[in-house]
N, C-alpha and C. Protein backbone atom coordinates (compact mmCIF):
# COMPACT_ATOMS: atom_id res chain seq x y z
N MET A 1 9.15 -0.74 18.62
CA MET A 1 8.03 -0.51 19.26
C MET A 1 7.23 -1.16 18.17
N ARG A 2 6.27 -1.96 18.29
CA ARG A 2 5.22 -2.81 17.77
C ARG A 2 4.08 -1.88 17.27
N HIS A 3 3.68 -2.09 15.99
CA HIS A 3 2.32 -1.66 15.91
C HIS A 3 1.16 -3.01 15.41
N HIS A 4 0.14 -2.60 16.00
CA HIS A 4 -0.78 -3.79 15.91
C HIS A 4 -1.71 -3.30 14.46
N VAL A 5 -1.91 -3.85 13.35
CA VAL A 5 -2.62 -3.72 12.44
C VAL A 5 -3.23 -4.73 11.69
N ASN A 6 -4.35 -4.42 11.37
CA ASN A 6 -4.94 -5.42 10.42
C ASN A 6 -4.40 -5.38 8.86
N THR A 7 -4.22 -6.58 8.20
CA THR A 7 -3.66 -6.59 6.77
C THR A 7 -4.34 -7.35 5.76
N TYR A 8 -4.42 -6.49 4.59
CA TYR A 8 -5.13 -7.18 3.65
C TYR A 8 -4.54 -6.91 2.31
N PHE A 9 -5.33 -7.54 1.43
CA PHE A 9 -5.04 -7.51 -0.28
C PHE A 9 -6.40 -6.93 -0.62
N TRP A 10 -6.22 -5.76 -1.56
CA TRP A 10 -6.87 -5.07 -2.10
C TRP A 10 -7.32 -5.16 -3.48
N ARG A 11 -8.29 -5.45 -4.02
CA ARG A 11 -8.49 -5.79 -5.58
C ARG A 11 -10.33 -5.44 -5.90
N THR A 12 -10.13 -4.46 -7.19
CA THR A 12 -11.56 -4.37 -7.36
C THR A 12 -11.95 -5.23 -8.53
N TYR A 13 -13.26 -5.32 -8.65
CA TYR A 13 -13.89 -6.43 -9.80
C TYR A 13 -13.37 -5.98 -11.32
N THR A 14 -12.71 -5.10 -11.36
CA THR A 14 -12.26 -4.62 -12.77
C THR A 14 -10.58 -4.65 -12.65
N GLY A 15 -10.09 -5.05 -11.90
CA GLY A 15 -8.49 -5.61 -11.87
C GLY A 15 -7.73 -4.45 -11.26
N ALA A 16 -8.23 -3.38 -10.56
CA ALA A 16 -7.27 -2.81 -9.95
C ALA A 16 -6.97 -3.10 -8.87
N GLU A 17 -5.34 -3.12 -8.28
CA GLU A 17 -5.04 -3.74 -7.15
C GLU A 17 -4.28 -3.17 -6.19
N LEU A 18 -4.02 -3.40 -5.07
CA LEU A 18 -2.71 -3.14 -3.94
C LEU A 18 -2.39 -4.18 -3.60
N ASP A 19 -0.99 -4.52 -3.40
CA ASP A 19 -0.29 -5.70 -3.11
C ASP A 19 -0.57 -5.75 -1.46
N PHE A 20 -0.34 -4.91 -0.34
CA PHE A 20 -0.50 -5.30 0.34
C PHE A 20 -1.51 -3.77 1.07
N VAL A 21 -2.24 -3.87 2.43
CA VAL A 21 -3.07 -2.86 3.06
C VAL A 21 -2.79 -3.13 4.22
N GLU A 22 -2.61 -1.84 5.09
CA GLU A 22 -2.57 -1.79 6.58
C GLU A 22 -3.66 -0.88 7.09
N GLN A 23 -4.54 -1.25 8.07
CA GLN A 23 -5.51 -0.87 8.95
C GLN A 23 -4.90 -0.71 10.45
N GLY A 24 -4.82 0.68 10.65
CA GLY A 24 -4.36 0.46 12.13
C GLY A 24 -4.13 1.95 12.44
N ASP A 25 -4.66 2.23 13.74
CA ASP A 25 -4.36 3.46 14.38
C ASP A 25 -5.16 4.84 13.63
N GLY A 26 -6.65 4.14 13.12
CA GLY A 26 -7.37 5.42 12.46
C GLY A 26 -6.92 5.53 11.09
N LYS A 27 -6.16 4.85 10.50
CA LYS A 27 -5.43 5.27 9.20
C LYS A 27 -5.26 3.99 8.31
N LEU A 28 -5.48 4.06 7.25
CA LEU A 28 -5.40 3.29 6.34
C LEU A 28 -4.28 3.37 4.95
N LEU A 29 -3.47 2.23 4.84
CA LEU A 29 -2.04 2.64 4.08
C LEU A 29 -2.02 1.56 2.93
N GLY A 30 -1.94 1.84 1.81
CA GLY A 30 -1.69 1.20 0.71
C GLY A 30 -0.47 1.07 0.07
N TYR A 31 0.00 -0.36 -0.34
CA TYR A 31 1.28 -0.44 -0.65
C TYR A 31 1.32 -1.28 -2.03
N GLU A 32 2.14 -0.53 -3.06
CA GLU A 32 2.30 -1.09 -4.22
C GLU A 32 3.84 -1.81 -4.10
N ILE A 33 4.04 -2.79 -4.66
CA ILE A 33 5.42 -3.62 -4.45
C ILE A 33 6.02 -4.19 -5.73
N LYS A 34 6.99 -3.62 -5.93
CA LYS A 34 7.49 -4.24 -7.42
C LYS A 34 9.05 -4.58 -7.16
N TRP A 35 9.29 -5.53 -8.03
CA TRP A 35 10.68 -5.77 -8.05
C TRP A 35 11.46 -4.69 -8.56
N LYS A 36 11.06 -4.42 -9.85
CA LYS A 36 11.87 -3.31 -10.40
C LYS A 36 11.77 -1.91 -10.22
N ASN A 37 12.43 -0.99 -10.37
CA ASN A 37 12.18 0.22 -10.20
C ASN A 37 11.44 1.13 -11.32
N LYS A 38 10.02 0.59 -11.50
CA LYS A 38 9.11 1.12 -12.03
C LYS A 38 8.37 2.44 -11.61
N LYS A 39 7.72 3.04 -12.21
CA LYS A 39 7.05 4.33 -11.44
C LYS A 39 5.57 3.57 -11.19
N ALA A 40 5.29 4.01 -10.17
CA ALA A 40 3.60 3.38 -9.76
C ALA A 40 3.10 4.54 -9.21
N LYS A 41 1.78 4.38 -9.32
CA LYS A 41 1.00 5.46 -8.63
C LYS A 41 -0.44 4.79 -7.87
N ALA A 42 -0.87 5.01 -7.09
CA ALA A 42 -2.36 4.59 -6.36
C ALA A 42 -3.18 4.59 -7.55
N PRO A 43 -3.95 3.51 -7.54
CA PRO A 43 -4.90 3.09 -8.63
C PRO A 43 -6.08 4.43 -8.41
N LYS A 44 -6.77 4.92 -9.11
CA LYS A 44 -7.78 5.75 -8.77
C LYS A 44 -8.73 5.67 -8.12
N THR A 45 -9.25 4.17 -8.36
CA THR A 45 -10.32 3.73 -7.77
C THR A 45 -9.81 3.74 -5.97
N TRP A 46 -8.78 3.35 -5.75
CA TRP A 46 -8.25 3.49 -4.22
C TRP A 46 -8.47 5.06 -3.80
N MET A 47 -7.91 5.67 -4.75
CA MET A 47 -8.11 7.23 -4.11
C MET A 47 -9.08 7.64 -3.88
N ASP A 48 -10.18 7.63 -4.99
CA ASP A 48 -11.79 7.92 -4.97
C ASP A 48 -12.25 7.14 -3.82
N SER A 49 -12.21 5.94 -3.41
CA SER A 49 -12.94 5.21 -2.61
C SER A 49 -12.22 5.57 -1.15
N TYR A 50 -10.99 6.10 -1.16
CA TYR A 50 -10.40 5.98 0.50
C TYR A 50 -9.69 7.19 0.33
N ASN A 51 -10.30 8.31 0.02
CA ASN A 51 -9.49 9.58 -0.03
C ASN A 51 -8.44 10.20 0.85
N GLU A 52 -8.77 9.49 2.41
CA GLU A 52 -8.08 9.89 3.39
C GLU A 52 -6.98 9.23 3.92
N SER A 53 -6.77 7.99 2.62
CA SER A 53 -5.86 6.88 2.81
C SER A 53 -4.25 7.48 2.56
N TYR A 54 -3.31 6.70 2.77
CA TYR A 54 -2.02 7.03 2.34
C TYR A 54 -1.45 5.82 1.20
N PHE A 55 -0.71 5.83 0.36
CA PHE A 55 0.13 5.13 -0.55
C PHE A 55 1.43 5.20 -0.61
N LYS A 56 2.07 4.13 -0.68
CA LYS A 56 3.36 4.04 -0.92
C LYS A 56 3.73 3.07 -1.82
N TYR A 57 4.76 3.26 -2.51
CA TYR A 57 5.38 2.49 -3.30
C TYR A 57 6.54 1.97 -3.17
N ILE A 58 6.78 0.69 -3.05
CA ILE A 58 8.10 -0.28 -2.45
C ILE A 58 8.69 -0.69 -3.52
N ASN A 59 9.89 -0.63 -3.75
CA ASN A 59 10.75 -1.15 -4.57
C ASN A 59 12.44 -1.69 -4.10
N LEU A 60 13.16 -1.85 -5.04
CA LEU A 60 14.54 -2.47 -4.65
C LEU A 60 15.19 -1.03 -3.88
N GLU A 61 14.97 -0.25 -4.12
CA GLU A 61 15.78 1.30 -3.64
C GLU A 61 15.05 1.61 -2.07
N ASN A 62 13.99 0.98 -1.89
CA ASN A 62 13.48 1.70 -0.72
C ASN A 62 12.76 0.27 0.18
N TYR A 63 12.97 -0.75 -0.14
CA TYR A 63 12.63 -2.11 0.57
C TYR A 63 12.87 -1.97 2.12
N GLN A 64 13.86 -1.60 2.36
CA GLN A 64 14.66 -1.69 3.77
C GLN A 64 13.80 -0.77 4.71
N ASP A 65 13.45 0.37 4.28
CA ASP A 65 12.40 1.79 5.14
C ASP A 65 11.25 0.64 5.67
N PHE A 66 10.52 -0.20 4.37
CA PHE A 66 9.64 -0.89 4.90
C PHE A 66 9.70 -2.06 5.68
N CYS A 67 10.37 -2.75 5.31
CA CYS A 67 10.48 -4.41 6.09
C CYS A 67 11.30 -4.38 7.56
N CYS A 68 12.06 -3.31 7.70
CA CYS A 68 13.30 -3.54 8.73
C CYS A 68 13.08 -2.17 9.57
N ILE A 69 12.00 -2.11 9.76
CA ILE A 69 11.46 -0.77 10.84
C ILE A 69 11.40 -1.32 11.99
């Protein structure tokens, strides 16, 4: 099943950023993508501005869940 979404990159003037953002079905999903298994959390400005949004951290351990749906 294909999902039609708008895709974006998100960055503030102060440098906070998310690598990939999807908007569709009334939802806003932000993704941070890292090669190594570092810890990551949603930028505070993202959560403050879009408090109904979702955030997911993608890394080597879980990337197949993201790219191969």
